[in-house]
Amino acid sequence: MPGVATLRAYKLAWLPHDIFAGFVLTTMLVPVGIAYAAASGVPGIYGLYATIVPLLAYALFGPSRILVLGPDSSLAAIILGVVLPLSGGDPARAVALASAMAVVSGALCILFGVARLGFVTELLSKPIRYGYMNGIALTVLISQLPKLFGFSIESDGPLRNLLAIGGAVVAGKTNWTSFAIGAATLVAILVLKRTPRIPGILIAVVAATLIVSIFDLSSRAGVAILGPLPQGLPAFSIPWLTYKDIVPILIGGGACAVVSFADTSVLSRVYAVRTGVATNPNQEMIGLGAANLATGFFQGFPVSSSSSRTPVAEASGARTQLTGVVGAVAVAVLLIAAPNLLQHLPSPALAAIVIASAIGLIEIDGLVRIYRMQPWEFWLSIVCFAGVAVLGVIPGIGLAIGIAVVEFLWDGWRPYSTVLGRAKGVEGYHDITRYPDADRIAGLVLFRWDAPLFFANAELFKERVLEAVAQSPTPVRWVVVAAEPVTSVDVTAADTLAELNDALHATGIELRFAELKDPVKDKLKRFGLFSELGEGSFFPTVGAAVSIYLKTHSVAWLESEDPRP
């Protein structure tokens, strides 16, 4: 386990830094944990449970020395989207549902990590990630506005919620005292955020809590507060579900796994560079999975790495995961010794914490850059954003994954291909559409295919080769596929190559390959195509194939010798 390895190599000089950073981190863990619990549709105390347990589990199984895990705004909308319609307003049932999602998320992460599938989240392109994260940010922000304004609404999707909020404000339901506290807290957090060394969230929340407590605004002005917390630590509990819960929990847990690991993998790589400690994406997935699995069995909910708390730990001098352990122990001591310390914490201030975090999730500059570089990918991002905003978080993320699959297949389905020739003054063989005056050899087609060959594009490959043959200015004797970009071949593609070979052979044309990678050759050998074509059909370079063709057919380049023997 990474935690044991770190403990064995631990240096005594690190201890004061880790302890100090742990106490500084605690000042953020408590208000943020409570706020994200409320945003996830469960009572605030469970946000502290979901803070303590993951930090301890990740300290043992996580490879990053500095990453901080816990409740996160990017997951809050997903959890709420599953919990709210199924719980029927029952807090105990909401907790069980959220805990079950954590178990599913943790199990999937561990399974994928053990199977060394830590790369899967990289299949979501940056525009798609921007789109769904912007959609999640909007959903989270809208969900917190009623608490900021001091009223409640029936939740019915982001856009309908926004209309309901506008209607409630126009109808005069706003509690202006609540709004003033929430807005002031939000402004303070956003302003103080510019100075990383100042604990802006702590200062803003303490100030709001003191004002509500001193002036008794809960009784006098109807400001909603957290109330007393139950004393004690989280107990082991198996989240029980009904049959109708299974599918939504599996989908929601899977969505949490994808989003949390996508965020964690990016953040862990950033801090791996900063700390000089290499991280393994598969072990990172196992560490994240262990944290989620543990919190799921101790009344928590899905967690992720934190892009706001991790910098606090780093700036405070954290050296190892002992910082997180100290933070977890400090929160546990608070729950045992002084659970009522936070009872006057106002709900509008908690909403402000979540809104500030949601604002931080919004990506504008990146979208502008993508629009300038490749507009169609920008519109993919907008579709993903609209999907989350209109359909809801779970269907929206499903749409994002579907678009990612279509984008991946589209790039491979219709790749670029061309015929090569020899351009004057340029070494090698080049695209004749870029070099219209390039020389070609009579009877030889040099064809390049810029993608793997698989079931989705094999037939197109065959069509384009035959099209290149038909468009050749001279009768064709050889087709040489410049196959360096072909990184893989599946069974369907191998069968299509055999069909192409038969079709060419029937017209007296021979099919050859150049620069085909050895792993791809190994596949062709297993599929039987290598022996069918013969070893003489494969050349190490395009130049070697050209040289053999020139010698075999007694033809030559128009002006000079072959540029690459």
Protein backbone atom coordinates (compact mmCIF):
# COMPACT_ATOMS: atom_id res chain seq x y z
CA MET A 1 0.00 0.00 0.00
CA PRO A 2 1.32 3.48 -0.87
CA GLY A 3 0.53 4.77 2.62
CA VAL A 4 2.69 2.12 4.27
CA ALA A 5 5.55 2.89 1.86
CA THR A 6 5.29 6.59 2.71
CA LEU A 7 5.28 5.81 6.44
CA ARG A 8 8.44 3.74 6.13
CA ALA A 9 10.22 6.57 4.33
CA TYR A 10 8.76 9.29 6.56
CA LYS A 11 11.16 11.96 7.79
CA LEU A 12 10.74 13.44 11.26
CA ALA A 13 11.38 16.91 9.84
CA TRP A 14 8.11 16.64 7.89
CA LEU A 15 5.97 16.14 11.02
CA PRO A 16 5.48 19.78 12.12
CA HIS A 17 4.65 20.79 8.54
CA ASP A 18 2.03 18.03 8.17
CA ILE A 19 0.43 18.77 11.55
CA PHE A 20 0.22 22.52 10.91
CA ALA A 21 -1.17 21.98 7.40
CA GLY A 22 -3.71 19.51 8.80
CA PHE A 23 -5.11 22.06 11.26
CA VAL A 24 -5.25 24.75 8.58
CA LEU A 25 -7.01 22.31 6.27
CA THR A 26 -9.60 21.56 8.97
CA THR A 27 -10.82 25.15 8.82
CA MET A 28 -12.01 24.41 5.27
CA LEU A 29 -13.05 20.79 5.70
CA VAL A 30 -15.86 21.53 8.15
CA PRO A 31 -17.86 24.28 6.40
CA VAL A 32 -17.25 22.86 2.92
CA GLY A 33 -18.24 19.34 3.97
CA ILE A 34 -21.49 20.55 5.50
CA ALA A 35 -22.27 22.77 2.51
CA TYR A 36 -21.72 20.03 -0.07
CA ALA A 37 -23.80 17.59 1.95
CA ALA A 38 -26.73 20.00 1.83
CA ALA A 39 -26.15 20.50 -1.90
CA SER A 40 -26.20 16.70 -2.33
CA GLY A 41 -29.58 16.34 -0.65
CA VAL A 42 -28.44 14.85 2.68
CA PRO A 43 -28.17 16.40 6.19
CA GLY A 44 -25.02 18.40 6.88
CA ILE A 45 -23.55 15.98 9.43
CA TYR A 46 -23.06 13.39 6.70
CA GLY A 47 -20.77 15.79 4.88
CA LEU A 48 -18.43 15.56 7.87
CA TYR A 49 -18.68 11.76 7.81
CA ALA A 50 -17.82 11.91 4.10
CA THR A 51 -14.83 14.04 5.05
CA ILE A 52 -13.33 11.90 7.81
CA VAL A 53 -13.46 8.42 6.28
CA PRO A 54 -12.15 9.14 2.74
CA LEU A 55 -9.14 11.05 4.07
CA LEU A 56 -8.13 8.06 6.19
CA ALA A 57 -8.73 5.53 3.39
CA TYR A 58 -6.87 7.56 0.79
CA ALA A 59 -3.93 8.01 3.15
CA LEU A 60 -3.48 4.22 2.95
CA PHE A 61 -4.31 3.50 -0.69
CA GLY A 62 -3.73 6.76 -2.56
CA PRO A 63 -0.43 7.32 -4.40
CA SER A 64 -0.41 11.13 -4.23
CA ARG A 65 1.28 12.58 -1.17
CA ILE A 66 -0.66 15.82 -1.20
CA LEU A 67 -4.09 15.26 -2.79
CA VAL A 68 -7.07 16.04 -0.53
CA LEU A 69 -10.28 14.04 -1.02
CA GLY A 70 -13.77 14.82 0.18
CA PRO A 71 -17.24 16.04 -0.82
CA ASP A 72 -17.13 17.99 -4.07
CA SER A 73 -19.42 20.38 -5.90
CA SER A 74 -18.95 18.56 -9.22
CA LEU A 75 -20.58 15.46 -7.70
CA ALA A 76 -23.27 17.26 -5.69
CA ALA A 77 -25.59 17.71 -8.67
CA ILE A 78 -25.23 14.04 -9.66
CA ILE A 79 -25.98 12.82 -6.14
CA LEU A 80 -28.92 15.20 -5.78
CA GLY A 81 -30.29 14.15 -9.16
CA VAL A 82 -30.52 10.53 -7.94
CA VAL A 83 -31.37 11.07 -4.28
CA LEU A 84 -34.09 13.71 -4.58
CA PRO A 85 -36.65 11.80 -6.68
CA LEU A 86 -36.11 8.48 -4.86
CA SER A 87 -35.95 9.58 -1.22
CA GLY A 88 -39.38 11.19 -1.02
CA GLY A 89 -38.08 13.73 1.50
CA ASP A 90 -36.94 11.04 3.96
CA PRO A 91 -33.42 12.00 5.22
CA ALA A 92 -32.57 8.44 6.29
CA ARG A 93 -33.46 7.10 2.87
CA ALA A 94 -31.52 9.91 1.19
CA VAL A 95 -28.43 8.93 3.19
CA ALA A 96 -28.83 5.25 2.25
CA LEU A 97 -29.16 6.12 -1.44
CA ALA A 98 -26.14 8.43 -1.39
CA SER A 99 -24.08 5.83 0.48
CA ALA A 100 -25.03 3.18 -2.07
CA MET A 101 -23.84 5.48 -4.85
CA ALA A 102 -20.49 5.80 -3.06
CA VAL A 103 -20.20 2.00 -2.83
CA VAL A 104 -20.94 1.63 -6.56
CA SER A 105 -18.52 4.42 -7.46
CA GLY A 106 -15.81 2.94 -5.25
CA ALA A 107 -16.26 -0.60 -6.54
CA LEU A 108 -16.07 0.58 -10.16
CA CYS A 109 -12.94 2.63 -9.53
CA ILE A 110 -11.21 -0.30 -7.80
CA LEU A 111 -12.27 -2.70 -10.56
CA PHE A 112 -10.98 -0.39 -13.28
CA GLY A 113 -7.78 0.28 -11.38
CA VAL A 114 -7.03 -3.42 -10.84
CA ALA A 115 -7.80 -4.06 -14.52
CA ARG A 116 -5.35 -1.26 -15.39
CA LEU A 117 -8.03 0.76 -17.14
CA GLY A 118 -7.08 4.08 -15.61
CA PHE A 119 -6.94 5.61 -19.09
CA VAL A 120 -10.70 5.36 -19.69
CA THR A 121 -11.52 8.90 -18.57
CA GLU A 122 -9.09 10.22 -21.18
CA LEU A 123 -11.66 9.11 -23.77
CA LEU A 124 -13.68 12.21 -22.83
CA SER A 125 -12.20 15.04 -24.88
CA LYS A 126 -11.56 18.45 -23.35
CA PRO A 127 -14.51 20.16 -25.14
CA ILE A 128 -16.88 17.48 -23.86
CA ARG A 129 -15.50 17.78 -20.31
CA TYR A 130 -15.90 21.55 -20.47
CA GLY A 131 -19.48 21.16 -21.66
CA TYR A 132 -20.74 18.79 -18.99
CA MET A 133 -18.79 20.52 -16.20
CA ASN A 134 -20.29 23.87 -17.20
CA GLY A 135 -23.70 22.19 -17.17
CA ILE A 136 -23.05 20.72 -13.72
CA ALA A 137 -21.85 24.13 -12.49
CA LEU A 138 -25.07 25.76 -13.70
CA THR A 139 -27.19 23.02 -12.13
CA VAL A 140 -25.41 23.34 -8.77
CA LEU A 141 -25.65 27.12 -8.82
CA ILE A 142 -29.38 27.09 -9.58
CA SER A 143 -30.02 24.48 -6.87
CA GLN A 144 -28.51 26.80 -4.23
CA LEU A 145 -30.35 29.98 -5.18
CA PRO A 146 -33.49 29.16 -3.14
CA LYS A 147 -31.36 28.79 0.01
CA LEU A 148 -29.64 32.07 -0.81
CA PHE A 149 -33.00 33.85 -1.19
CA GLY A 150 -34.48 32.18 1.89
CA PHE A 151 -37.31 30.12 0.39
CA SER A 152 -37.86 26.64 -1.01
CA ILE A 153 -39.21 25.31 -4.31
CA GLU A 154 -40.16 21.95 -5.78
CA SER A 155 -37.16 20.68 -7.73
CA ASP A 156 -38.00 19.89 -11.37
CA GLY A 157 -34.85 20.25 -13.46
CA PRO A 158 -32.44 23.19 -13.79
CA LEU A 159 -34.37 25.37 -16.23
CA ARG A 160 -37.75 24.84 -14.59
CA ASN A 161 -36.14 25.47 -11.22
CA LEU A 162 -34.80 28.76 -12.53
CA LEU A 163 -38.27 29.78 -13.68
CA ALA A 164 -39.72 28.77 -10.31
CA ILE A 165 -37.05 30.81 -8.49
CA GLY A 166 -37.82 33.85 -10.64
CA GLY A 167 -41.53 33.43 -9.93
CA ALA A 168 -40.92 33.16 -6.17
CA VAL A 169 -38.78 36.31 -6.18
CA VAL A 170 -41.43 38.24 -8.15
CA ALA A 171 -44.09 36.94 -5.74
CA GLY A 172 -42.21 38.51 -2.83
CA LYS A 173 -41.11 35.30 -1.10
CA THR A 174 -37.50 36.44 -0.67
CA ASN A 175 -36.17 36.63 2.88
CA TRP A 176 -33.97 39.68 2.45
CA THR A 177 -32.05 39.05 5.65
CA SER A 178 -31.11 35.59 4.40
CA PHE A 179 -30.20 37.04 1.04
CA ALA A 180 -28.02 39.74 2.61
CA ILE A 181 -26.12 37.16 4.68
CA GLY A 182 -25.68 34.81 1.74
CA ALA A 183 -24.69 37.51 -0.73
CA ALA A 184 -22.20 39.07 1.71
CA THR A 185 -20.69 35.64 2.39
CA LEU A 186 -20.41 34.94 -1.34
CA VAL A 187 -18.73 38.27 -2.06
CA ALA A 188 -16.30 37.78 0.84
CA ILE A 189 -15.35 34.28 -0.37
CA LEU A 190 -14.81 35.43 -3.96
CA VAL A 191 -12.77 38.49 -2.93
CA LEU A 192 -10.61 36.68 -0.36
CA LYS A 193 -10.09 33.80 -2.80
CA ARG A 194 -7.65 36.03 -4.66
CA THR A 195 -5.27 35.75 -1.70
CA PRO A 196 -4.65 32.00 -1.27
CA ARG A 197 -2.95 32.34 2.12
CA ILE A 198 -6.05 33.94 3.67
CA PRO A 199 -8.71 31.36 4.71
CA GLY A 200 -11.54 33.19 2.99
CA ILE A 201 -14.21 30.53 3.52
CA LEU A 202 -13.42 30.28 7.24
CA ILE A 203 -13.49 34.06 7.74
CA ALA A 204 -16.75 34.50 5.81
CA VAL A 205 -18.53 31.58 7.49
CA VAL A 206 -17.40 32.51 11.02
CA ALA A 207 -18.53 36.10 10.47
CA ALA A 208 -21.93 34.99 9.17
CA THR A 209 -22.36 32.52 12.04
CA LEU A 210 -21.47 35.13 14.67
CA ILE A 211 -23.89 37.67 13.19
CA VAL A 212 -26.76 35.17 13.13
CA SER A 213 -25.97 34.00 16.66
CA ILE A 214 -25.46 37.42 18.26
CA PHE A 215 -28.57 38.99 16.74
CA ASP A 216 -30.65 35.79 16.98
CA LEU A 217 -31.60 36.14 13.32
CA SER A 218 -32.94 32.61 13.23
CA SER A 219 -35.84 33.56 15.51
CA ARG A 220 -36.18 37.24 14.63
CA ALA A 221 -35.76 37.14 10.86
CA GLY A 222 -36.43 33.50 9.95
CA VAL A 223 -32.89 32.80 8.74
CA ALA A 224 -32.44 29.04 8.34
CA ILE A 225 -29.55 27.58 10.34
CA LEU A 226 -27.77 24.24 10.51
CA GLY A 227 -29.03 23.37 14.00
CA PRO A 228 -27.38 21.04 16.52
CA LEU A 229 -25.34 18.14 15.16
CA PRO A 230 -25.51 14.63 16.61
CA GLN A 231 -22.56 13.79 18.82
CA GLY A 232 -20.22 10.95 17.84
CA LEU A 233 -18.49 9.33 14.90
CA PRO A 234 -19.99 7.65 11.82
CA ALA A 235 -21.06 4.05 12.37
CA PHE A 236 -20.64 1.15 9.97
CA SER A 237 -23.84 0.74 7.98
CA ILE A 238 -24.82 -1.26 4.91
CA PRO A 239 -26.99 0.91 2.62
CA TRP A 240 -30.17 -1.05 1.92
CA LEU A 241 -32.03 -0.44 -1.32
CA THR A 242 -35.30 -1.39 -2.94
CA TYR A 243 -35.46 -3.09 -6.33
CA LYS A 244 -36.48 0.13 -8.10
CA ASP A 245 -33.41 1.91 -6.72
CA ILE A 246 -30.85 -0.39 -8.36
CA VAL A 247 -30.72 1.06 -11.89
CA PRO A 248 -30.62 4.75 -10.84
CA ILE A 249 -27.96 3.97 -8.22
CA LEU A 250 -25.82 2.07 -10.73
CA ILE A 251 -26.09 4.88 -13.28
CA GLY A 252 -25.49 7.61 -10.70
CA GLY A 253 -22.60 5.74 -9.09
CA GLY A 254 -21.05 5.14 -12.50
CA ALA A 255 -21.38 8.83 -13.38
CA CYS A 256 -19.73 9.77 -10.08
CA ALA A 257 -16.87 7.36 -10.81
CA VAL A 258 -16.26 8.89 -14.25
CA VAL A 259 -16.43 12.51 -13.08
CA SER A 260 -14.43 12.00 -9.88
CA PHE A 261 -11.64 10.06 -11.54
CA ALA A 262 -11.44 12.51 -14.46
CA ASP A 263 -10.95 15.34 -11.94
CA THR A 264 -8.61 13.33 -9.73
CA SER A 265 -6.38 12.14 -12.56
CA VAL A 266 -5.85 15.70 -13.81
CA LEU A 267 -5.20 17.09 -10.31
CA SER A 268 -2.86 14.26 -9.32
CA ARG A 269 -0.75 14.80 -12.45
CA VAL A 270 -0.47 18.52 -11.69
CA TYR A 271 0.76 17.89 -8.14
CA ALA A 272 2.98 15.01 -9.22
CA VAL A 273 4.92 17.52 -11.32
CA ARG A 274 5.03 20.04 -8.48
CA THR A 275 6.17 17.58 -5.82
CA GLY A 276 8.41 15.50 -8.06
CA VAL A 277 6.67 12.29 -6.94
CA ALA A 278 5.43 10.13 -9.82
CA THR A 279 1.84 8.91 -9.66
CA ASN A 280 0.21 5.87 -11.24
CA PRO A 281 -3.27 6.44 -12.76
CA ASN A 282 -4.33 2.87 -11.99
CA GLN A 283 -3.25 3.16 -8.34
CA GLU A 284 -4.93 6.57 -8.25
CA MET A 285 -8.14 4.88 -9.32
CA ILE A 286 -7.72 2.25 -6.60
CA GLY A 287 -7.06 4.94 -3.99
CA LEU A 288 -10.13 6.91 -5.06
CA GLY A 289 -12.17 3.71 -5.10
CA ALA A 290 -11.04 2.73 -1.60
CA ALA A 291 -12.02 6.18 -0.30
CA ASN A 292 -15.49 5.96 -1.87
CA LEU A 293 -16.05 2.36 -0.80
CA ALA A 294 -15.08 3.16 2.78
CA THR A 295 -17.27 6.25 3.03
CA GLY A 296 -20.17 4.34 1.48
CA PHE A 297 -20.13 1.89 4.39
CA PHE A 298 -19.82 4.68 6.98
CA GLN A 299 -22.85 6.80 6.02
CA GLY A 300 -21.01 9.02 3.56
CA PHE A 301 -21.58 9.79 -0.11
CA PRO A 302 -19.41 9.90 -3.27
CA VAL A 303 -16.23 11.95 -2.96
CA SER A 304 -13.55 13.26 -5.27
CA SER A 305 -10.28 15.13 -5.13
CA SER A 306 -10.64 18.80 -4.27
CA SER A 307 -9.13 21.54 -6.41
CA SER A 308 -9.83 24.06 -3.62
CA ARG A 309 -8.67 22.17 -0.51
CA THR A 310 -5.56 20.59 -2.07
CA PRO A 311 -3.95 24.00 -2.77
CA VAL A 312 -4.66 24.98 0.85
CA ALA A 313 -2.79 21.89 2.06
CA GLU A 314 0.09 22.64 -0.31
CA ALA A 315 0.30 26.32 0.65
CA SER A 316 0.28 25.35 4.35
CA GLY A 317 3.36 23.18 3.89
CA ALA A 318 1.89 19.67 3.62
CA ARG A 319 4.48 17.00 2.92
CA THR A 320 2.45 13.75 3.01
CA GLN A 321 -1.04 12.33 3.51
CA LEU A 322 -0.52 12.74 7.26
CA THR A 323 -1.97 16.21 6.63
CA GLY A 324 -5.27 14.61 5.65
CA VAL A 325 -5.14 12.25 8.63
CA VAL A 326 -4.66 15.21 10.99
CA GLY A 327 -7.59 16.98 9.34
CA ALA A 328 -9.80 13.89 9.67
CA VAL A 329 -8.89 13.44 13.34
CA ALA A 330 -9.55 17.13 14.04
CA VAL A 331 -13.03 16.90 12.49
CA ALA A 332 -13.69 13.72 14.51
CA VAL A 333 -12.66 15.49 17.74
CA LEU A 334 -15.04 18.33 16.87
CA LEU A 335 -17.93 15.88 16.48
CA ILE A 336 -17.14 14.23 19.81
CA ALA A 337 -16.26 17.25 21.93
CA ALA A 338 -18.18 20.21 20.50
CA PRO A 339 -20.88 19.21 18.01
CA ASN A 340 -23.05 22.23 18.89
CA LEU A 341 -20.33 24.71 17.97
CA LEU A 342 -21.76 24.95 14.46
CA GLN A 343 -25.48 25.02 15.20
CA HIS A 344 -25.90 28.71 14.26
CA LEU A 345 -24.19 28.30 10.88
CA PRO A 346 -26.68 29.93 8.46
CA SER A 347 -27.93 28.02 5.43
CA PRO A 348 -27.45 31.04 3.11
CA ALA A 349 -23.74 31.02 4.01
CA LEU A 350 -23.54 27.32 3.15
CA ALA A 351 -25.26 28.07 -0.16
CA ALA A 352 -22.68 30.79 -0.80
CA ILE A 353 -19.85 28.26 -0.33
CA VAL A 354 -21.38 25.94 -2.91
CA ILE A 355 -22.14 28.77 -5.36
CA ALA A 356 -18.56 30.04 -5.11
CA SER A 357 -17.31 26.56 -5.88
CA ALA A 358 -19.74 26.20 -8.80
CA ILE A 359 -18.50 29.48 -10.25
CA GLY A 360 -14.99 28.05 -10.07
CA LEU A 361 -16.10 25.08 -12.20
CA ILE A 362 -17.22 27.28 -15.08
CA GLU A 363 -14.81 27.26 -18.02
CA ILE A 364 -15.10 30.19 -20.43
CA ASP A 365 -11.57 30.95 -21.64
CA GLY A 366 -11.02 27.35 -22.73
CA LEU A 367 -14.24 27.37 -24.76
CA VAL A 368 -13.28 30.63 -26.48
CA ARG A 369 -9.91 29.10 -27.38
CA ILE A 370 -11.58 25.94 -28.74
CA TYR A 371 -14.02 28.03 -30.79
CA ARG A 372 -11.14 29.87 -32.42
CA MET A 373 -9.22 26.66 -33.11
CA GLN A 374 -11.99 24.24 -34.10
CA PRO A 375 -15.59 25.57 -34.03
CA TRP A 376 -17.28 22.17 -34.44
CA GLU A 377 -15.72 20.94 -31.17
CA PHE A 378 -17.00 24.10 -29.49
CA TRP A 379 -20.52 23.20 -30.59
CA LEU A 380 -20.05 19.68 -29.22
CA SER A 381 -19.30 21.31 -25.88
CA ILE A 382 -22.43 23.46 -26.13
CA VAL A 383 -24.56 20.38 -26.88
CA CYS A 384 -23.17 18.65 -23.77
CA PHE A 385 -23.82 21.77 -21.70
CA ALA A 386 -27.39 22.04 -23.00
CA GLY A 387 -27.94 18.34 -22.36
CA VAL A 388 -27.08 18.69 -18.68
CA ALA A 389 -29.02 21.96 -18.33
CA VAL A 390 -32.18 20.75 -20.08
CA LEU A 391 -32.28 16.99 -19.46
CA GLY A 392 -30.68 16.95 -16.02
CA VAL A 393 -27.30 15.80 -14.74
CA ILE A 394 -27.57 12.02 -15.18
CA PRO A 395 -29.07 12.05 -18.72
CA GLY A 396 -26.73 14.92 -19.58
CA ILE A 397 -23.62 12.99 -18.60
CA GLY A 398 -24.97 9.99 -20.53
CA LEU A 399 -25.33 12.27 -23.54
CA ALA A 400 -21.75 13.53 -23.05
CA ILE A 401 -20.39 9.97 -22.98
CA GLY A 402 -22.45 9.10 -26.07
CA ILE A 403 -21.09 12.13 -27.92
CA ALA A 404 -17.55 11.17 -26.88
CA VAL A 405 -18.03 7.69 -28.36
CA VAL A 406 -19.47 9.13 -31.59
CA GLU A 407 -16.60 11.64 -31.81
CA PHE A 408 -14.05 8.86 -31.29
CA LEU A 409 -15.67 6.62 -33.91
CA TRP A 410 -16.12 9.49 -36.36
CA ASP A 411 -12.42 10.36 -36.26
CA GLY A 412 -11.56 6.73 -36.99
CA TRP A 413 -14.48 6.10 -39.34
CA ARG A 414 -13.59 8.73 -41.92
CA PRO A 415 -9.84 9.30 -41.56
CA TYR A 416 -7.64 11.13 -43.99
CA SER A 417 -6.11 9.12 -46.83
CA THR A 418 -4.06 10.10 -49.84
CA VAL A 419 -1.82 8.98 -52.69
CA LEU A 420 1.88 9.72 -52.28
CA GLY A 421 4.43 10.96 -54.78
CA ARG A 422 7.93 12.43 -54.84
CA ALA A 423 8.09 16.22 -54.61
CA LYS A 424 11.04 18.09 -56.08
CA GLY A 425 13.51 19.27 -53.45
CA VAL A 426 11.74 17.48 -50.57
CA GLU A 427 13.04 14.19 -49.22
CA GLY A 428 10.63 11.28 -48.91
CA TYR A 429 7.10 10.68 -50.23
CA HIS A 430 4.36 13.25 -49.90
CA ASP A 431 0.66 13.90 -50.38
CA ILE A 432 0.02 14.65 -54.06
CA THR A 433 -2.87 16.97 -53.09
CA ARG A 434 -0.34 19.13 -51.22
CA TYR A 435 2.29 18.72 -53.94
CA PRO A 436 0.35 18.61 -57.25
CA ASP A 437 3.58 18.48 -59.27
CA ALA A 438 4.91 15.44 -57.40
CA ASP A 439 6.34 12.65 -59.57
CA ARG A 440 4.63 9.25 -59.70
CA ILE A 441 5.83 5.91 -61.06
CA ALA A 442 3.90 4.29 -63.87
CA GLY A 443 1.87 1.37 -62.57
CA LEU A 444 2.49 2.08 -58.86
CA VAL A 445 0.01 3.55 -56.37
CA LEU A 446 1.48 4.60 -53.01
CA PHE A 447 -1.56 4.84 -50.73
CA ARG A 448 -1.47 6.19 -47.16
CA TRP A 449 -4.22 5.60 -44.58
CA ASP A 450 -4.00 7.75 -41.44
CA ALA A 451 -5.83 5.63 -38.87
CA PRO A 452 -6.14 2.17 -37.34
CA LEU A 453 -8.13 -0.30 -39.45
CA PHE A 454 -11.23 -1.59 -37.70
CA PHE A 455 -14.81 -2.59 -38.31
CA ALA A 456 -16.10 0.99 -38.67
CA ASN A 457 -13.71 2.07 -41.42
CA ALA A 458 -12.55 -1.14 -43.14
CA GLU A 459 -15.05 -0.90 -46.00
CA LEU A 460 -14.17 2.76 -46.53
CA PHE A 461 -10.48 1.79 -46.74
CA LYS A 462 -11.30 -0.72 -49.45
CA GLU A 463 -13.37 1.84 -51.38
CA ARG A 464 -10.64 4.49 -51.25
CA VAL A 465 -7.93 2.08 -52.40
CA LEU A 466 -10.06 1.02 -55.37
CA GLU A 467 -10.84 4.68 -56.07
CA ALA A 468 -7.09 5.49 -56.07
CA VAL A 469 -6.52 2.64 -58.52
CA ALA A 470 -9.31 3.88 -60.79
CA GLN A 471 -7.91 7.43 -60.78
CA SER A 472 -4.32 6.39 -61.52
CA PRO A 473 -3.00 8.03 -64.72
CA THR A 474 -1.42 4.70 -65.79
CA PRO A 475 -2.56 1.05 -65.56
CA VAL A 476 -1.76 -0.14 -62.03
CA ARG A 477 0.43 -3.15 -61.24
CA TRP A 478 1.14 -2.61 -57.54
CA VAL A 479 -0.70 -0.90 -54.68
CA VAL A 480 1.64 -0.20 -51.76
CA VAL A 481 -0.10 0.83 -48.53
CA ALA A 482 2.13 3.19 -46.51
CA ALA A 483 0.92 1.66 -43.26
CA GLU A 484 2.91 3.38 -40.51
CA PRO A 485 -0.22 5.20 -39.18
CA VAL A 486 -2.12 1.87 -39.04
CA THR A 487 -1.64 1.03 -35.36
CA SER A 488 -4.19 -1.77 -35.14
CA VAL A 489 -6.25 -4.20 -37.22
CA ASP A 490 -9.29 -6.16 -36.10
CA VAL A 491 -10.89 -9.30 -37.58
CA THR A 492 -13.37 -7.35 -39.71
CA ALA A 493 -10.59 -5.25 -41.19
CA ALA A 494 -8.45 -8.34 -41.87
CA ASP A 495 -11.33 -9.97 -43.74
CA THR A 496 -11.84 -6.77 -45.74
CA LEU A 497 -8.13 -6.70 -46.62
CA ALA A 498 -8.47 -10.27 -47.90
CA GLU A 499 -11.45 -9.21 -50.03
CA LEU A 500 -9.46 -6.23 -51.34
CA ASN A 501 -6.52 -8.47 -52.17
CA ASP A 502 -8.81 -10.83 -54.11
CA ALA A 503 -10.42 -7.93 -56.00
CA LEU A 504 -7.05 -6.45 -56.95
CA HIS A 505 -5.56 -9.82 -57.83
CA ALA A 506 -8.47 -10.53 -60.18
CA THR A 507 -7.42 -7.49 -62.24
CA GLY A 508 -3.70 -8.30 -62.16
CA ILE A 509 -2.79 -5.91 -59.35
CA GLU A 510 -0.67 -6.93 -56.37
CA LEU A 511 -1.28 -5.57 -52.83
CA ARG A 512 1.78 -4.66 -50.76
CA PHE A 513 2.41 -3.02 -47.37
CA ALA A 514 5.26 -0.80 -46.18
CA GLU A 515 6.24 0.27 -42.64
CA LEU A 516 3.57 -1.89 -41.01
CA LYS A 517 4.32 -2.18 -37.29
CA ASP A 518 5.33 -5.58 -35.90
CA PRO A 519 2.38 -5.83 -33.44
CA VAL A 520 0.01 -5.30 -36.37
CA LYS A 521 1.88 -7.93 -38.40
CA ASP A 522 1.47 -10.32 -35.47
CA LYS A 523 -2.29 -9.82 -35.66
CA LEU A 524 -2.30 -10.48 -39.40
CA LYS A 525 -0.38 -13.69 -38.75
CA ARG A 526 -3.00 -14.81 -36.22
CA PHE A 527 -5.78 -13.92 -38.67
CA GLY A 528 -4.08 -15.91 -41.47
CA LEU A 529 -3.72 -12.92 -43.79
CA PHE A 530 0.07 -12.68 -43.50
CA SER A 531 0.58 -16.16 -44.96
CA GLU A 532 -2.06 -15.50 -47.64
CA LEU A 533 -0.26 -12.37 -48.85
CA GLY A 534 3.22 -13.80 -48.37
CA GLU A 535 6.18 -12.37 -46.49
CA GLY A 536 7.41 -10.72 -49.68
CA SER A 537 4.39 -8.42 -49.61
CA PHE A 538 5.70 -6.55 -46.57
CA PHE A 539 8.52 -3.99 -46.75
CA PRO A 540 10.33 -2.13 -43.95
CA THR A 541 10.04 1.26 -45.70
CA VAL A 542 8.16 2.84 -48.57
CA GLY A 543 11.52 3.42 -50.24
CA ALA A 544 12.32 -0.30 -50.10
CA ALA A 545 8.98 -1.15 -51.72
CA VAL A 546 9.57 1.44 -54.45
CA SER A 547 13.08 0.11 -55.16
CA ILE A 548 11.83 -3.48 -55.55
CA TYR A 549 9.01 -2.31 -57.83
CA LEU A 550 11.44 -0.35 -60.02
CA LYS A 551 13.74 -3.36 -60.38
CA THR A 552 10.94 -5.88 -60.92
CA HIS A 553 9.08 -3.92 -63.58
CA SER A 554 11.98 -2.13 -65.28
CA VAL A 555 10.51 1.33 -64.82
CA ALA A 556 12.09 4.45 -63.36
CA TRP A 557 11.36 7.81 -61.90
CA LEU A 558 11.01 10.48 -64.51
CA GLU A 559 14.01 12.57 -63.48
CA SER A 560 16.18 11.14 -60.69
CA GLU A 561 16.94 8.21 -58.42
CA ASP A 562 14.68 7.12 -55.58
CA PRO A 563 15.26 9.55 -52.66
CA ARG A 564 15.16 6.99 -49.87
CA PRO A 565 16.64 3.53 -50.50
